[in-house]
Amino acid sequence: MYDLITIGSALIDIFIRSKQFILRPTSKGTLICQLYGEKIDVDSFLIATGGGGSNAAVGFARAGFNVATVTETGKDTLADLLLSEFHKECVATNYVAQERREETGGSVIMLGEDGGRTVMVHRGASSLLDPHDIPMRAVKKADWIHLSSIAGRLPALWAIAAGLKEGSASCSWNPGQAELDLINAGELTAQSLPCQILVMNAEEWKKMRLKQQAFRAIIPEIVVTEGGKGGKLYLKGERRPQSFESSGIKSVDVTGAGDSFAVGYITARVKGKQPMVAVEWGKRNAASVIQYLGAKKGLLTLAELSKP
């Protein structure tokens, strides 16, 4: 069986950068604007693989784990790109569900000169995991399950939870917006999904502000990242979070920063490192990834993560 199984999306990302993109600050944030109907030149165009489940799977494989991934794709050219990379990175694809009538998901990412981005996502097949797509025997026997967003597919989440409760695997979780909606609606609670490590960004943590105390009382470790501002580590039983600074590395592209941080942090904890050492491993992985376009190119090996 596998040391670690990731469950989440697998997408194709198309990155577009242009000096002609117009960035317009507003009271609600910065807009990326172009004249409708205009044709503009782009300075770079890159096709890469992405998605939370896919990014984490490759990250953990590079860190030396025996990894399988649970995701759903179509049977199309985009799926072939994903499977080819999984094979290249030594990620087992036994549990990749391929459906002929579905489309492999993807996103178009418009990059500003400051490293910021606007993302247009078609989640496609990756948002359609059903309970029968979850390999229950493997979930029960794995050492660790890393769950990223599965578009709020509640029946699939219940299946994963059942497998975790019946088995011996530890679990880390990086929920997406759809899962946050379920949490805020009371359909997912801190007790619903056995989870040792919860990882999210500050905006996501803020969105579940009415549920924060309940989650802090149950989940042993909650890591909240805040980009260039660093982040906070909440440990069960401690009243105050421990703050940490960012790496200070200027980003080329922030795609995959959260996934790579999670991989570094979880790898360190699995290897028996203390939580604040794990934060440093997470920062190191994320700092490497954001220096490249795409979510995977900069992912580090175990030797690179553990450098003094």
Protein backbone atom coordinates (compact mmCIF):
# COMPACT_ATOMS: atom_id res chain seq x y z
CA MET A 1 0.00 0.00 0.00
CA TYR A 2 0.95 3.68 -0.03
CA ASP A 3 2.61 5.87 2.60
CA LEU A 4 0.50 8.81 1.61
CA ILE A 5 -2.60 9.41 -0.53
CA THR A 6 -3.70 12.81 -1.76
CA ILE A 7 -7.34 13.51 -2.59
CA GLY A 8 -8.27 16.57 -4.61
CA SER A 9 -8.29 18.24 -7.99
CA ALA A 10 -5.98 17.71 -10.95
CA LEU A 11 -6.13 20.48 -13.53
CA ILE A 12 -4.27 21.95 -16.49
CA ASP A 13 -3.09 25.53 -15.88
CA ILE A 14 -2.46 28.03 -18.69
CA PHE A 15 -0.33 30.99 -17.59
CA ILE A 16 -0.44 34.25 -19.52
CA ARG A 17 1.72 37.26 -18.73
CA SER A 18 1.65 40.58 -20.58
CA LYS A 19 2.99 44.05 -19.95
CA GLN A 20 -0.23 45.26 -21.57
CA PHE A 21 -2.38 44.00 -18.71
CA ILE A 22 -3.79 47.05 -16.95
CA LEU A 23 -3.84 46.88 -13.14
CA ARG A 24 -6.39 49.25 -11.63
CA PRO A 25 -6.55 49.67 -7.82
CA THR A 26 -10.04 50.00 -6.31
CA SER A 27 -11.45 50.05 -2.79
CA LYS A 28 -12.28 46.35 -3.14
CA GLY A 29 -8.92 45.27 -4.55
CA THR A 30 -6.91 45.51 -7.74
CA LEU A 31 -8.64 44.85 -11.07
CA ILE A 32 -6.88 43.40 -14.10
CA CYS A 33 -8.49 45.09 -17.08
CA GLN A 34 -8.45 45.01 -20.87
CA LEU A 35 -10.62 46.66 -23.48
CA TYR A 36 -13.35 44.23 -24.53
CA GLY A 37 -12.76 42.95 -28.06
CA GLU A 38 -9.11 44.04 -28.09
CA LYS A 39 -6.32 41.72 -29.21
CA ILE A 40 -3.15 42.08 -27.14
CA ASP A 41 0.32 40.58 -27.28
CA VAL A 42 1.46 38.40 -24.40
CA ASP A 43 5.02 38.12 -23.13
CA SER A 44 4.82 34.51 -21.96
CA PHE A 45 2.47 31.57 -22.40
CA LEU A 46 2.94 28.37 -20.40
CA ILE A 47 0.89 25.20 -20.02
CA ALA A 48 1.49 23.28 -16.79
CA THR A 49 -0.34 20.88 -14.50
CA GLY A 50 -1.99 22.03 -11.30
CA GLY A 51 -4.85 21.48 -8.88
CA GLY A 52 -4.52 20.96 -5.12
CA GLY A 53 -4.50 17.17 -5.19
CA SER A 54 -2.05 17.03 -8.09
CA ASN A 55 0.32 19.64 -6.63
CA ALA A 56 0.42 17.92 -3.26
CA ALA A 57 0.93 14.47 -4.80
CA VAL A 58 4.00 15.58 -6.76
CA GLY A 59 5.30 17.54 -3.76
CA PHE A 60 5.09 14.54 -1.44
CA ALA A 61 6.61 12.26 -4.08
CA ARG A 62 9.60 14.58 -4.40
CA ALA A 63 9.89 14.54 -0.61
CA GLY A 64 10.40 10.77 -0.81
CA PHE A 65 6.97 9.36 0.02
CA ASN A 66 5.34 6.44 -1.78
CA VAL A 67 2.34 8.41 -3.06
CA ALA A 68 -0.95 7.74 -4.83
CA THR A 69 -3.52 10.34 -5.82
CA VAL A 70 -7.32 10.20 -5.89
CA THR A 71 -8.81 12.54 -8.46
CA GLU A 72 -11.13 12.54 -11.46
CA THR A 73 -10.43 13.51 -15.08
CA GLY A 74 -11.98 13.08 -18.48
CA LYS A 75 -10.55 10.79 -21.13
CA ASP A 76 -8.96 13.50 -23.23
CA THR A 77 -5.67 15.14 -24.18
CA LEU A 78 -5.53 17.19 -20.99
CA ALA A 79 -5.91 14.03 -18.91
CA ASP A 80 -3.03 12.48 -20.86
CA LEU A 81 -0.80 15.41 -19.81
CA LEU A 82 -1.71 14.92 -16.16
CA LEU A 83 -1.16 11.16 -16.21
CA SER A 84 2.15 11.55 -18.01
CA GLU A 85 3.43 13.90 -15.33
CA PHE A 86 2.21 11.66 -12.51
CA HIS A 87 4.13 8.76 -14.03
CA LYS A 88 7.23 10.92 -14.50
CA GLU A 89 7.07 12.04 -10.85
CA CYS A 90 6.44 8.51 -9.52
CA VAL A 91 2.88 9.22 -8.35
CA ALA A 92 0.66 6.13 -8.58
CA THR A 93 -2.45 6.64 -10.71
CA ASN A 94 -4.37 3.50 -9.65
CA TYR A 95 -7.11 5.69 -8.15
CA VAL A 96 -7.48 8.28 -10.91
CA ALA A 97 -11.07 7.99 -12.14
CA GLN A 98 -11.40 8.75 -15.86
CA GLU A 99 -14.84 9.43 -17.28
CA ARG A 100 -15.37 9.59 -21.03
CA ARG A 101 -18.36 11.93 -20.74
CA GLU A 102 -16.56 14.45 -18.53
CA GLU A 103 -14.01 17.16 -19.31
CA THR A 104 -10.67 17.40 -17.56
CA GLY A 105 -10.65 20.66 -15.62
CA GLY A 106 -8.35 23.59 -16.18
CA SER A 107 -7.65 27.22 -15.46
CA VAL A 108 -6.37 30.32 -17.22
CA ILE A 109 -4.11 32.42 -15.01
CA MET A 110 -3.45 36.05 -15.93
CA LEU A 111 -0.27 37.26 -14.25
CA GLY A 112 0.51 40.85 -13.31
CA GLU A 113 4.03 42.26 -13.27
CA ASP A 114 3.97 42.18 -9.46
CA GLY A 115 3.47 38.39 -9.33
CA GLY A 116 -0.23 38.71 -8.52
CA ARG A 117 -2.81 36.87 -10.56
CA THR A 118 -6.39 36.50 -11.68
CA VAL A 119 -7.55 32.90 -12.13
CA MET A 120 -10.43 31.65 -14.27
CA VAL A 121 -11.24 28.03 -13.37
CA HIS A 122 -13.26 25.29 -15.01
CA ARG A 123 -13.10 22.50 -12.42
CA GLY A 124 -14.62 19.93 -14.75
CA ALA A 125 -14.26 16.28 -13.79
CA SER A 126 -12.19 17.08 -10.69
CA SER A 127 -15.30 18.51 -9.03
CA LEU A 128 -17.31 15.32 -9.52
CA LEU A 129 -15.81 12.79 -7.11
CA ASP A 130 -18.43 10.38 -5.79
CA PRO A 131 -18.23 7.90 -2.90
CA HIS A 132 -17.52 5.02 -5.29
CA ASP A 133 -14.44 6.94 -6.52
CA ILE A 134 -12.89 6.82 -3.03
CA PRO A 135 -10.67 3.70 -2.61
CA MET A 136 -11.84 2.81 0.89
CA ARG A 137 -9.41 -0.07 1.43
CA ALA A 138 -6.45 2.13 0.47
CA VAL A 139 -7.67 5.02 2.64
CA LYS A 140 -7.95 2.70 5.63
CA LYS A 141 -4.47 1.25 5.12
CA ALA A 142 -2.49 4.41 4.23
CA ASP A 143 -0.26 6.07 6.81
CA TRP A 144 -1.42 9.56 5.85
CA ILE A 145 -4.25 11.12 3.84
CA HIS A 146 -3.91 14.68 2.53
CA LEU A 147 -7.24 16.14 1.49
CA SER A 148 -7.54 19.32 -0.55
CA SER A 149 -10.71 20.80 -2.02
CA ILE A 150 -13.12 18.41 -3.75
CA ALA A 151 -15.68 21.12 -4.58
CA GLY A 152 -17.78 20.40 -1.50
CA ARG A 153 -18.86 16.90 -2.61
CA LEU A 154 -20.48 15.99 0.70
CA PRO A 155 -21.16 12.27 -0.01
CA ALA A 156 -17.50 11.82 -1.00
CA LEU A 157 -16.40 13.68 2.14
CA TRP A 158 -18.50 11.34 4.28
CA ALA A 159 -16.89 8.35 2.55
CA ILE A 160 -13.40 9.75 3.26
CA ALA A 161 -14.35 10.42 6.88
CA ALA A 162 -15.64 6.86 7.26
CA GLY A 163 -12.41 5.45 5.87
CA LEU A 164 -10.35 7.56 8.25
CA LYS A 165 -12.42 6.56 11.26
CA GLU A 166 -12.23 2.85 10.39
CA GLY A 167 -8.53 2.91 9.51
CA SER A 168 -5.36 4.16 11.14
CA ALA A 169 -4.32 6.96 8.76
CA SER A 170 -3.58 10.46 9.98
CA CYS A 171 -5.13 13.29 7.99
CA SER A 172 -4.23 16.79 6.88
CA TRP A 173 -6.80 19.02 5.23
CA ASN A 174 -6.61 22.10 3.02
CA PRO A 175 -10.29 22.97 2.39
CA GLY A 176 -11.52 25.11 -0.48
CA GLN A 177 -14.36 27.61 -0.73
CA ALA A 178 -17.03 24.95 -1.19
CA GLU A 179 -15.89 23.17 1.98
CA LEU A 180 -15.83 26.48 3.87
CA ASP A 181 -19.43 27.04 2.81
CA LEU A 182 -20.34 23.64 4.27
CA ILE A 183 -18.51 24.49 7.50
CA ASN A 184 -20.29 27.82 7.85
CA ALA A 185 -23.64 26.16 7.12
CA GLY A 186 -22.99 23.63 9.89
CA GLU A 187 -22.94 20.66 7.48
CA LEU A 188 -19.25 20.00 8.22
CA THR A 189 -17.97 20.28 11.78
CA ALA A 190 -14.59 19.86 13.43
CA GLN A 191 -15.72 16.38 14.49
CA SER A 192 -16.92 15.36 11.01
CA LEU A 193 -13.52 14.65 9.52
CA PRO A 194 -10.74 13.24 11.73
CA CYS A 195 -7.96 15.72 11.07
CA GLN A 196 -4.58 16.30 12.72
CA ILE A 197 -3.44 19.28 10.63
CA LEU A 198 -5.58 21.99 9.04
CA VAL A 199 -3.88 24.33 6.57
CA MET A 200 -5.48 27.41 5.02
CA ASN A 201 -4.74 31.01 4.15
CA ALA A 202 -5.77 34.02 6.20
CA GLU A 203 -8.70 34.93 3.96
CA GLU A 204 -10.12 31.42 4.25
CA TRP A 205 -9.60 31.41 8.03
CA LYS A 206 -11.40 34.74 8.30
CA LYS A 207 -14.38 33.37 6.37
CA MET A 208 -14.95 30.74 9.07
CA ARG A 209 -14.51 33.18 11.97
CA LEU A 210 -17.70 31.99 13.68
CA LYS A 211 -16.36 28.41 13.67
CA GLN A 212 -12.73 29.09 14.57
CA GLN A 213 -13.01 28.34 18.28
CA ALA A 214 -14.76 25.03 17.66
CA PHE A 215 -12.03 23.94 15.25
CA ARG A 216 -9.24 25.11 17.55
CA ALA A 217 -10.73 23.03 20.36
CA ILE A 218 -10.65 19.82 18.28
CA ILE A 219 -7.82 19.99 15.71
CA PRO A 220 -4.28 19.63 17.11
CA GLU A 221 -2.56 21.94 14.60
CA ILE A 222 -3.98 24.74 12.47
CA VAL A 223 -1.62 26.66 10.20
CA VAL A 224 -2.86 29.94 8.70
CA THR A 225 -0.64 31.50 6.04
CA GLU A 226 -0.77 35.13 5.00
CA GLY A 227 1.54 35.42 1.99
CA GLY A 228 4.19 38.08 2.43
CA LYS A 229 3.05 38.75 6.01
CA GLY A 230 3.95 35.28 7.27
CA GLY A 231 1.25 33.50 9.23
CA LYS A 232 0.10 31.94 12.49
CA LEU A 233 0.31 28.49 14.03
CA TYR A 234 -2.51 27.48 16.38
CA LEU A 235 -1.75 24.52 18.64
CA LYS A 236 -4.56 22.82 20.56
CA GLY A 237 -4.51 23.80 24.20
CA GLU A 238 -2.52 26.98 23.69
CA ARG A 239 -4.42 30.24 24.09
CA ARG A 240 -2.30 32.31 21.76
CA PRO A 241 -1.07 31.41 18.27
CA GLN A 242 2.61 31.45 17.40
CA SER A 243 3.36 33.97 14.67
CA PHE A 244 5.93 33.44 11.94
CA GLU A 245 7.43 35.71 9.30
CA SER A 246 7.44 35.15 5.56
CA SER A 247 10.56 34.04 3.70
CA GLY A 248 10.90 37.51 2.17
CA ILE A 249 11.41 36.02 -1.31
CA LYS A 250 9.97 38.09 -4.15
CA SER A 251 7.45 36.06 -6.13
CA VAL A 252 7.36 35.46 -9.86
CA ASP A 253 4.04 33.62 -9.50
CA VAL A 254 2.21 32.66 -6.29
CA THR A 255 0.35 29.72 -7.85
CA GLY A 256 0.86 26.64 -5.68
CA ALA A 257 2.36 28.52 -2.74
CA GLY A 258 -0.24 27.18 -0.32
CA ASP A 259 0.06 23.60 -1.56
CA SER A 260 3.86 23.66 -1.39
CA PHE A 261 3.81 25.14 2.12
CA ALA A 262 1.43 22.37 3.22
CA VAL A 263 3.69 19.70 1.71
CA GLY A 264 6.75 21.07 3.50
CA TYR A 265 4.96 21.44 6.82
CA ILE A 266 3.34 18.00 6.75
CA THR A 267 6.54 16.28 5.59
CA ALA A 268 8.40 17.71 8.57
CA ARG A 269 5.70 16.65 11.02
CA VAL A 270 5.59 13.11 9.58
CA LYS A 271 9.38 13.01 10.01
CA GLY A 272 8.96 13.90 13.68
CA LYS A 273 10.03 17.56 13.53
CA GLN A 274 8.55 20.13 15.92
CA PRO A 275 5.76 22.40 14.60
CA MET A 276 7.89 25.55 14.24
CA VAL A 277 10.58 23.56 12.42
CA ALA A 278 7.79 22.30 10.16
CA VAL A 279 6.81 25.92 9.49
CA GLU A 280 10.36 26.57 8.25
CA TRP A 281 10.17 23.56 5.92
CA GLY A 282 6.86 24.85 4.59
CA LYS A 283 8.25 28.33 4.04
CA ARG A 284 11.32 26.90 2.29
CA ASN A 285 9.19 24.87 -0.12
CA ALA A 286 6.83 27.76 -0.88
CA ALA A 287 9.73 30.20 -1.34
CA SER A 288 11.21 27.89 -3.96
CA VAL A 289 7.94 27.37 -5.84
CA ILE A 290 7.02 31.05 -6.13
CA GLN A 291 10.26 31.77 -8.00
CA TYR A 292 8.91 29.91 -11.04
CA LEU A 293 5.79 29.91 -13.18
CA GLY A 294 3.53 27.05 -12.22
CA ALA A 295 2.84 25.15 -9.03
CA LYS A 296 5.40 22.34 -9.30
CA LYS A 297 8.71 23.34 -10.86
CA GLY A 298 10.25 24.55 -7.61
CA LEU A 299 9.04 21.73 -5.34
CA LEU A 300 11.93 20.51 -3.19
CA THR A 301 13.31 17.09 -2.34
CA LEU A 302 13.58 15.87 1.24
CA ALA A 303 17.29 16.71 1.31
CA GLU A 304 16.55 20.25 0.17
CA LEU A 305 13.68 20.70 2.62
CA SER A 306 15.76 19.53 5.58
CA LYS A 307 18.87 21.64 4.97
CA PRO A 308 20.02 23.32 8.21
